[in-house]
PDB file of all heavy atoms in Angstrom:
ATOM      1  N   VAL A   1       6.002  -0.505   9.450  1.00  0.00           N
ATOM      2  CA  VAL A   1       4.996   0.369  10.056  1.00  0.00           C
ATOM      3  C   VAL A   1       5.178   1.817   9.576  1.00  0.00           C
ATOM      4  O   VAL A   1       4.241   2.456   9.102  1.00  0.00           O
ATOM      5  CB  VAL A   1       5.064   0.305  11.592  1.00  0.00           C
ATOM      6  CG1 VAL A   1       4.029   1.244  12.219  1.00  0.00           C
ATOM      7  CG2 VAL A   1       4.847  -1.125  12.083  1.00  0.00           C
ATOM      8  N   GLU A   2       6.404   2.315   9.709  1.00  0.00           N
ATOM      9  CA  GLU A   2       6.734   3.642   9.211  1.00  0.00           C
ATOM     10  C   GLU A   2       7.270   3.524   7.786  1.00  0.00           C
ATOM     11  O   GLU A   2       8.148   2.696   7.510  1.00  0.00           O
ATOM     12  CB  GLU A   2       7.785   4.310  10.106  1.00  0.00           C
ATOM     13  CG  GLU A   2       7.344   4.481  11.558  1.00  0.00           C
ATOM     14  CD  GLU A   2       6.229   5.501  11.698  1.00  0.00           C
ATOM     15  OE1 GLU A   2       6.149   6.411  10.824  1.00  0.00           O
ATOM     16  OE2 GLU A   2       5.452   5.409  12.667  1.00  0.00           O
ATOM     17  N   TRP A   3       6.753   4.361   6.884  1.00  0.00           N
ATOM     18  CA  TRP A   3       7.097   4.250   5.470  1.00  0.00           C
ATOM     19  C   TRP A   3       7.588   5.580   4.905  1.00  0.00           C
ATOM     20  O   TRP A   3       7.088   6.640   5.282  1.00  0.00           O
ATOM     21  CB  TRP A   3       5.895   3.768   4.661  1.00  0.00           C
ATOM     22  CG  TRP A   3       5.422   2.410   5.050  1.00  0.00           C
ATOM     23  CD1 TRP A   3       4.366   2.105   5.872  1.00  0.00           C
ATOM     24  CD2 TRP A   3       5.993   1.156   4.647  1.00  0.00           C
ATOM     25  NE1 TRP A   3       4.247   0.739   5.999  1.00  0.00           N
ATOM     26  CE2 TRP A   3       5.225   0.129   5.257  1.00  0.00           C
ATOM     27  CE3 TRP A   3       7.060   0.803   3.823  1.00  0.00           C
ATOM     28  CZ2 TRP A   3       5.505  -1.216   5.070  1.00  0.00           C
ATOM     29  CZ3 TRP A   3       7.346  -0.538   3.629  1.00  0.00           C
ATOM     30  CH2 TRP A   3       6.566  -1.538   4.252  1.00  0.00           C
ATOM     31  N   THR A   4       8.530   5.492   3.963  1.00  0.00           N
ATOM     32  CA  THR A   4       9.009   6.655   3.215  1.00  0.00           C
ATOM     33  C   THR A   4       8.761   6.398   1.736  1.00  0.00           C
ATOM     34  O   THR A   4       9.233   5.399   1.177  1.00  0.00           O
ATOM     35  CB  THR A   4      10.520   6.880   3.444  1.00  0.00           C
ATOM     36  OG1 THR A   4      10.760   7.108   4.826  1.00  0.00           O
ATOM     37  CG2 THR A   4      11.010   8.076   2.635  1.00  0.00           C
ATOM     38  N   TRP A   5       8.019   7.287   1.100  1.00  0.00           N
ATOM     39  CA  TRP A   5       7.720   7.125  -0.320  1.00  0.00           C
ATOM     40  C   TRP A   5       8.981   7.363  -1.151  1.00  0.00           C
ATOM     41  O   TRP A   5       9.724   8.312  -0.921  1.00  0.00           O
ATOM     42  CB  TRP A   5       6.622   8.082  -0.755  1.00  0.00           C
ATOM     43  CG  TRP A   5       5.284   7.761  -0.141  1.00  0.00           C
ATOM     44  CD1 TRP A   5       4.633   8.459   0.823  1.00  0.00           C
ATOM     45  CD2 TRP A   5       4.448   6.641  -0.456  1.00  0.00           C
ATOM     46  NE1 TRP A   5       3.447   7.857   1.139  1.00  0.00           N
ATOM     47  CE2 TRP A   5       3.296   6.737   0.369  1.00  0.00           C
ATOM     48  CE3 TRP A   5       4.547   5.576  -1.348  1.00  0.00           C
ATOM     49  CZ2 TRP A   5       2.270   5.803   0.321  1.00  0.00           C
ATOM     50  CZ3 TRP A   5       3.512   4.651  -1.396  1.00  0.00           C
ATOM     51  CH2 TRP A   5       2.394   4.761  -0.579  1.00  0.00           C
ATOM     52  N   GLN A   6       9.190   6.496  -2.152  1.00  0.00           N
ATOM     53  CA  GLN A   6      10.397   6.547  -2.978  1.00  0.00           C
ATOM     54  C   GLN A   6      10.109   6.899  -4.436  1.00  0.00           C
ATOM     55  O   GLN A   6      11.046   7.118  -5.198  1.00  0.00           O
ATOM     56  CB  GLN A   6      11.125   5.197  -2.925  1.00  0.00           C
ATOM     57  CG  GLN A   6      11.528   4.746  -1.533  1.00  0.00           C
ATOM     58  CD  GLN A   6      12.638   5.591  -0.933  1.00  0.00           C
ATOM     59  OE1 GLN A   6      13.231   6.435  -1.601  1.00  0.00           O
ATOM     60  NE2 GLN A   6      12.930   5.391   0.345  1.00  0.00           N
ATOM     61  N   GLY A   7       8.853   6.970  -4.832  1.00  0.00           N
ATOM     62  CA  GLY A   7       8.541   7.331  -6.214  1.00  0.00           C
ATOM     63  C   GLY A   7       7.571   6.349  -6.843  1.00  0.00           C
ATOM     64  O   GLY A   7       7.099   5.399  -6.223  1.00  0.00           O
ATOM     65  N   THR A   8       7.280   6.577  -8.117  1.00  0.00           N
ATOM     66  CA  THR A   8       6.323   5.759  -8.862  1.00  0.00           C
ATOM     67  C   THR A   8       6.993   4.495  -9.371  1.00  0.00           C
ATOM     68  O   THR A   8       8.029   4.551 -10.038  1.00  0.00           O
ATOM     69  CB  THR A   8       5.741   6.551 -10.038  1.00  0.00           C
ATOM     70  OG1 THR A   8       5.074   7.718  -9.540  1.00  0.00           O
ATOM     71  CG2 THR A   8       4.751   5.712 -10.834  1.00  0.00           C
ATOM     72  N   ALA A   9       6.399   3.342  -9.058  1.00  0.00           N
ATOM     73  CA  ALA A   9       6.914   2.066  -9.545  1.00  0.00           C
ATOM     74  C   ALA A   9       6.403   1.752 -10.938  1.00  0.00           C
ATOM     75  O   ALA A   9       7.123   1.199 -11.774  1.00  0.00           O
ATOM     76  CB  ALA A   9       6.541   0.943  -8.588  1.00  0.00           C
ATOM     77  N   LEU A  10       5.133   2.075 -11.207  1.00  0.00           N
ATOM     78  CA  LEU A  10       4.544   1.803 -12.515  1.00  0.00           C
ATOM     79  C   LEU A  10       3.333   2.711 -12.699  1.00  0.00           C
ATOM     80  O   LEU A  10       2.535   2.894 -11.774  1.00  0.00           O
ATOM     81  CB  LEU A  10       4.118   0.341 -12.632  1.00  0.00           C
ATOM     82  CG  LEU A  10       3.710  -0.135 -14.027  1.00  0.00           C
ATOM     83  CD1 LEU A  10       4.915  -0.156 -14.967  1.00  0.00           C
ATOM     84  CD2 LEU A  10       3.063  -1.516 -13.977  1.00  0.00           C
ATOM     85  N   ALA A  11       3.201   3.252 -13.896  1.00  0.00           N
ATOM     86  CA  ALA A  11       2.048   4.084 -14.260  1.00  0.00           C
ATOM     87  C   ALA A  11       1.461   3.566 -15.561  1.00  0.00           C
ATOM     88  O   ALA A  11       2.107   2.802 -16.306  1.00  0.00           O
ATOM     89  CB  ALA A  11       2.463   5.545 -14.403  1.00  0.00           C
ATOM     90  N   GLY A  12       0.235   3.968 -15.846  1.00  0.00           N
ATOM     91  CA  GLY A  12      -0.412   3.558 -17.081  1.00  0.00           C
ATOM     92  C   GLY A  12       0.308   4.109 -18.307  1.00  0.00           C
ATOM     93  O   GLY A  12       0.986   5.135 -18.246  1.00  0.00           O
ATOM     94  N   ARG A  13       0.143   3.417 -19.428  1.00  0.00           N
ATOM     95  CA  ARG A  13       0.796   3.790 -20.685  1.00  0.00           C
ATOM     96  C   ARG A  13      -0.252   4.283 -21.673  1.00  0.00           C
ATOM     97  O   ARG A  13      -1.222   3.585 -21.974  1.00  0.00           O
ATOM     98  CB  ARG A  13       1.540   2.585 -21.258  1.00  0.00           C
ATOM     99  CG  ARG A  13       2.651   2.038 -20.357  1.00  0.00           C
ATOM    100  CD  ARG A  13       3.151   0.692 -20.862  1.00  0.00           C
ATOM    101  NE  ARG A  13       2.117  -0.331 -20.722  1.00  0.00           N
ATOM    102  CZ  ARG A  13       2.126  -1.493 -21.365  1.00  0.00           C
ATOM    103  NH1 ARG A  13       3.116  -1.766 -22.210  1.00  0.00           N
ATOM    104  NH2 ARG A  13       1.150  -2.374 -21.184  1.00  0.00           N
ATOM    105  N   ALA A  14      -0.074   5.471 -22.176  1.00  0.00           N
ATOM    106  CA  ALA A  14      -1.033   6.062 -23.108  1.00  0.00           C
ATOM    107  C   ALA A  14      -1.242   5.146 -24.310  1.00  0.00           C
ATOM    108  O   ALA A  14      -0.289   4.632 -24.902  1.00  0.00           O
ATOM    109  CB  ALA A  14      -0.537   7.425 -23.566  1.00  0.00           C
ATOM    110  N   GLY A  15      -2.511   4.921 -24.637  1.00  0.00           N
ATOM    111  CA  GLY A  15      -2.848   4.113 -25.795  1.00  0.00           C
ATOM    112  C   GLY A  15      -2.793   2.620 -25.584  1.00  0.00           C
ATOM    113  O   GLY A  15      -3.090   1.852 -26.507  1.00  0.00           O
ATOM    114  N   GLU A  16      -2.424   2.182 -24.372  1.00  0.00           N
ATOM    115  CA  GLU A  16      -2.312   0.750 -24.090  1.00  0.00           C
ATOM    116  C   GLU A  16      -3.491   0.271 -23.249  1.00  0.00           C
ATOM    117  O   GLU A  16      -4.321   1.054 -22.792  1.00  0.00           O
ATOM    118  CB  GLU A  16      -1.000   0.455 -23.362  1.00  0.00           C
ATOM    119  CG  GLU A  16       0.246   0.786 -24.156  1.00  0.00           C
ATOM    120  CD  GLU A  16       0.490  -0.205 -25.295  1.00  0.00           C
ATOM    121  OE1 GLU A  16      -0.139  -1.293 -25.287  1.00  0.00           O
ATOM    122  OE2 GLU A  16       1.302   0.104 -26.183  1.00  0.00           O
ATOM    123  N   TRP A  17      -3.531  -1.042 -23.003  1.00  0.00           N
ATOM    124  CA  TRP A  17      -4.632  -1.643 -22.245  1.00  0.00           C
ATOM    125  C   TRP A  17      -4.655  -1.191 -20.797  1.00  0.00           C
ATOM    126  O   TRP A  17      -5.678  -1.332 -20.116  1.00  0.00           O
ATOM    127  CB  TRP A  17      -4.541  -3.167 -22.303  1.00  0.00           C
ATOM    128  CG  TRP A  17      -3.324  -3.730 -21.625  1.00  0.00           C
ATOM    129  CD1 TRP A  17      -2.099  -3.940 -22.182  1.00  0.00           C
ATOM    130  CD2 TRP A  17      -3.213  -4.130 -20.252  1.00  0.00           C
ATOM    131  NE1 TRP A  17      -1.226  -4.449 -21.250  1.00  0.00           N
ATOM    132  CE2 TRP A  17      -1.875  -4.585 -20.062  1.00  0.00           C
ATOM    133  CE3 TRP A  17      -4.090  -4.159 -19.169  1.00  0.00           C
ATOM    134  CZ2 TRP A  17      -1.419  -5.040 -18.832  1.00  0.00           C
ATOM    135  CZ3 TRP A  17      -3.636  -4.623 -17.946  1.00  0.00           C
ATOM    136  CH2 TRP A  17      -2.324  -5.059 -17.782  1.00  0.00           C
ATOM    137  N   ASP A  18      -3.541  -0.613 -20.294  1.00  0.00           N
ATOM    138  CA  ASP A  18      -3.450  -0.169 -18.899  1.00  0.00           C
ATOM    139  C   ASP A  18      -3.394   1.351 -18.777  1.00  0.00           C
ATOM    140  O   ASP A  18      -2.925   1.883 -17.770  1.00  0.00           O
ATOM    141  CB  ASP A  18      -2.224  -0.790 -18.232  1.00  0.00           C
ATOM    142  CG  ASP A  18      -0.920  -0.492 -18.981  1.00  0.00           C
ATOM    143  OD1 ASP A  18      -0.946   0.292 -19.952  1.00  0.00           O
ATOM    144  OD2 ASP A  18       0.131  -1.044 -18.590  1.00  0.00           O
ATOM    145  N   ALA A  19      -3.899   2.076 -19.793  1.00  0.00           N
ATOM    146  CA  ALA A  19      -3.737   3.537 -19.845  1.00  0.00           C
ATOM    147  C   ALA A  19      -4.395   4.255 -18.671  1.00  0.00           C
ATOM    148  O   ALA A  19      -3.885   5.278 -18.199  1.00  0.00           O
ATOM    149  CB  ALA A  19      -4.297   4.076 -21.165  1.00  0.00           C
ATOM    150  N   ARG A  20      -5.514   3.758 -18.179  1.00  0.00           N
ATOM    151  CA  ARG A  20      -6.254   4.465 -17.125  1.00  0.00           C
ATOM    152  C   ARG A  20      -5.632   4.268 -15.745  1.00  0.00           C
ATOM    153  O   ARG A  20      -5.783   5.119 -14.870  1.00  0.00           O
ATOM    154  CB  ARG A  20      -7.706   3.982 -17.111  1.00  0.00           C
ATOM    155  CG  ARG A  20      -8.628   4.732 -16.138  1.00  0.00           C
ATOM    156  CD  ARG A  20      -8.916   6.136 -16.612  1.00  0.00           C
ATOM    157  NE  ARG A  20      -9.861   6.824 -15.709  1.00  0.00           N
ATOM    158  CZ  ARG A  20     -10.320   8.051 -15.904  1.00  0.00           C
ATOM    159  NH1 ARG A  20      -9.936   8.731 -16.976  1.00  0.00           N
ATOM    160  NH2 ARG A  20     -11.157   8.594 -15.048  1.00  0.00           N
ATOM    161  N   GLY A  21      -4.927   3.144 -15.546  1.00  0.00           N
ATOM    162  CA  GLY A  21      -4.328   2.944 -14.238  1.00  0.00           C
ATOM    163  C   GLY A  21      -3.785   1.552 -14.053  1.00  0.00           C
ATOM    164  O   GLY A  21      -4.176   0.604 -14.754  1.00  0.00           O
ATOM    165  N   VAL A  22      -2.851   1.428 -13.084  1.00  0.00           N
ATOM    166  CA  VAL A  22      -2.204   0.149 -12.794  1.00  0.00           C
ATOM    167  C   VAL A  22      -2.131  -0.053 -11.287  1.00  0.00           C
ATOM    168  O   VAL A  22      -2.013   0.898 -10.512  1.00  0.00           O
ATOM    169  CB  VAL A  22      -0.786   0.082 -13.402  1.00  0.00           C
ATOM    170  CG1 VAL A  22      -0.844   0.184 -14.919  1.00  0.00           C
ATOM    171  CG2 VAL A  22       0.105   1.172 -12.845  1.00  0.00           C
ATOM    172  N   ARG A  23      -2.185  -1.329 -10.869  1.00  0.00           N
ATOM    173  CA  ARG A  23      -2.169  -1.678  -9.449  1.00  0.00           C
ATOM    174  C   ARG A  23      -1.437  -3.004  -9.286  1.00  0.00           C
ATOM    175  O   ARG A  23      -1.861  -4.030  -9.800  1.00  0.00           O
ATOM    176  CB  ARG A  23      -3.607  -1.806  -8.946  1.00  0.00           C
ATOM    177  CG  ARG A  23      -3.758  -2.352  -7.529  1.00  0.00           C
ATOM    178  CD  ARG A  23      -5.223  -2.438  -7.148  1.00  0.00           C
ATOM    179  NE  ARG A  23      -5.975  -3.305  -8.041  1.00  0.00           N
ATOM    180  CZ  ARG A  23      -7.253  -3.094  -8.403  1.00  0.00           C
ATOM    181  NH1 ARG A  23      -7.913  -2.037  -7.965  1.00  0.00           N
ATOM    182  NH2 ARG A  23      -7.871  -3.934  -9.215  1.00  0.00           N
ATOM    183  N   PHE A  24      -0.315  -3.003  -8.550  1.00  0.00           N
ATOM    184  CA  PHE A  24       0.400  -4.250  -8.275  1.00  0.00           C
ATOM    185  C   PHE A  24      -0.468  -5.168  -7.415  1.00  0.00           C
ATOM    186  O   PHE A  24      -1.176  -4.715  -6.513  1.00  0.00           O
ATOM    187  CB  PHE A  24       1.702  -3.977  -7.531  1.00  0.00           C
ATOM    188  CG  PHE A  24       2.850  -3.521  -8.407  1.00  0.00           C
ATOM    189  CD1 PHE A  24       2.643  -3.103  -9.708  1.00  0.00           C
ATOM    190  CD2 PHE A  24       4.142  -3.507  -7.924  1.00  0.00           C
ATOM    191  CE1 PHE A  24       3.687  -2.683 -10.512  1.00  0.00           C
ATOM    192  CE2 PHE A  24       5.213  -3.101  -8.708  1.00  0.00           C
ATOM    193  CZ  PHE A  24       4.982  -2.687 -10.016  1.00  0.00           C
ATOM    194  N   SER A  25      -0.367  -6.485  -7.687  1.00  0.00           N
ATOM    195  CA  SER A  25      -1.040  -7.466  -6.835  1.00  0.00           C
ATOM    196  C   SER A  25      -0.060  -8.457  -6.219  1.00  0.00           C
ATOM    197  O   SER A  25      -0.368  -9.066  -5.197  1.00  0.00           O
ATOM    198  CB  SER A  25      -2.105  -8.226  -7.627  1.00  0.00           C
ATOM    199  OG  SER A  25      -1.541  -8.901  -8.737  1.00  0.00           O
ATOM    200  N   SER A  26       1.121  -8.646  -6.828  1.00  0.00           N
ATOM    201  CA  SER A  26       2.167  -9.512  -6.279  1.00  0.00           C
ATOM    202  C   SER A  26       3.517  -9.006  -6.755  1.00  0.00           C
ATOM    203  O   SER A  26       3.632  -8.513  -7.883  1.00  0.00           O
ATOM    204  CB  SER A  26       2.014 -10.969  -6.748  1.00  0.00           C
ATOM    205  OG  SER A  26       0.927 -11.616  -6.136  1.00  0.00           O
ATOM    206  N   VAL A  27       4.524  -9.150  -5.904  1.00  0.00           N
ATOM    207  CA  VAL A  27       5.914  -8.894  -6.290  1.00  0.00           C
ATOM    208  C   VAL A  27       6.751 -10.060  -5.795  1.00  0.00           C
ATOM    209  O   VAL A  27       6.752 -10.364  -4.596  1.00  0.00           O
ATOM    210  CB  VAL A  27       6.442  -7.569  -5.711  1.00  0.00           C
ATOM    211  CG1 VAL A  27       7.916  -7.396  -6.049  1.00  0.00           C
ATOM    212  CG2 VAL A  27       5.636  -6.379  -6.238  1.00  0.00           C
ATOM    213  N   LEU A  28       7.456 -10.714  -6.713  1.00  0.00           N
ATOM    214  CA  LEU A  28       8.343 -11.821  -6.360  1.00  0.00           C
ATOM    215  C   LEU A  28       9.776 -11.387  -6.609  1.00  0.00           C
ATOM    216  O   LEU A  28      10.102 -10.884  -7.692  1.00  0.00           O
ATOM    217  CB  LEU A  28       8.026 -13.065  -7.181  1.00  0.00           C
ATOM    218  CG  LEU A  28       6.858 -13.903  -6.649  1.00  0.00           C
ATOM    219  CD1 LEU A  28       5.548 -13.288  -7.084  1.00  0.00           C
ATOM    220  CD2 LEU A  28       6.950 -15.334  -7.131  1.00  0.00           C
ATOM    221  N   VAL A  29      10.628 -11.592  -5.617  1.00  0.00           N
ATOM    222  CA  VAL A  29      12.024 -11.162  -5.680  1.00  0.00           C
ATOM    223  C   VAL A  29      12.922 -12.389  -5.710  1.00  0.00           C
ATOM    224  O   VAL A  29      12.813 -13.286  -4.864  1.00  0.00           O
ATOM    225  CB  VAL A  29      12.382 -10.274  -4.467  1.00  0.00           C
ATOM    226  CG1 VAL A  29      13.842  -9.842  -4.542  1.00  0.00           C
ATOM    227  CG2 VAL A  29      11.465  -9.054  -4.404  1.00  0.00           C
TER     228      VAL A  29
END
């Protein structure tokens, strides 16, 4: 419920297919 931001997990890469933006949809641990 209460959250503390820890930083950027993933950002877009210049010149790549994900340059404009990235969004996680699943994380498996």
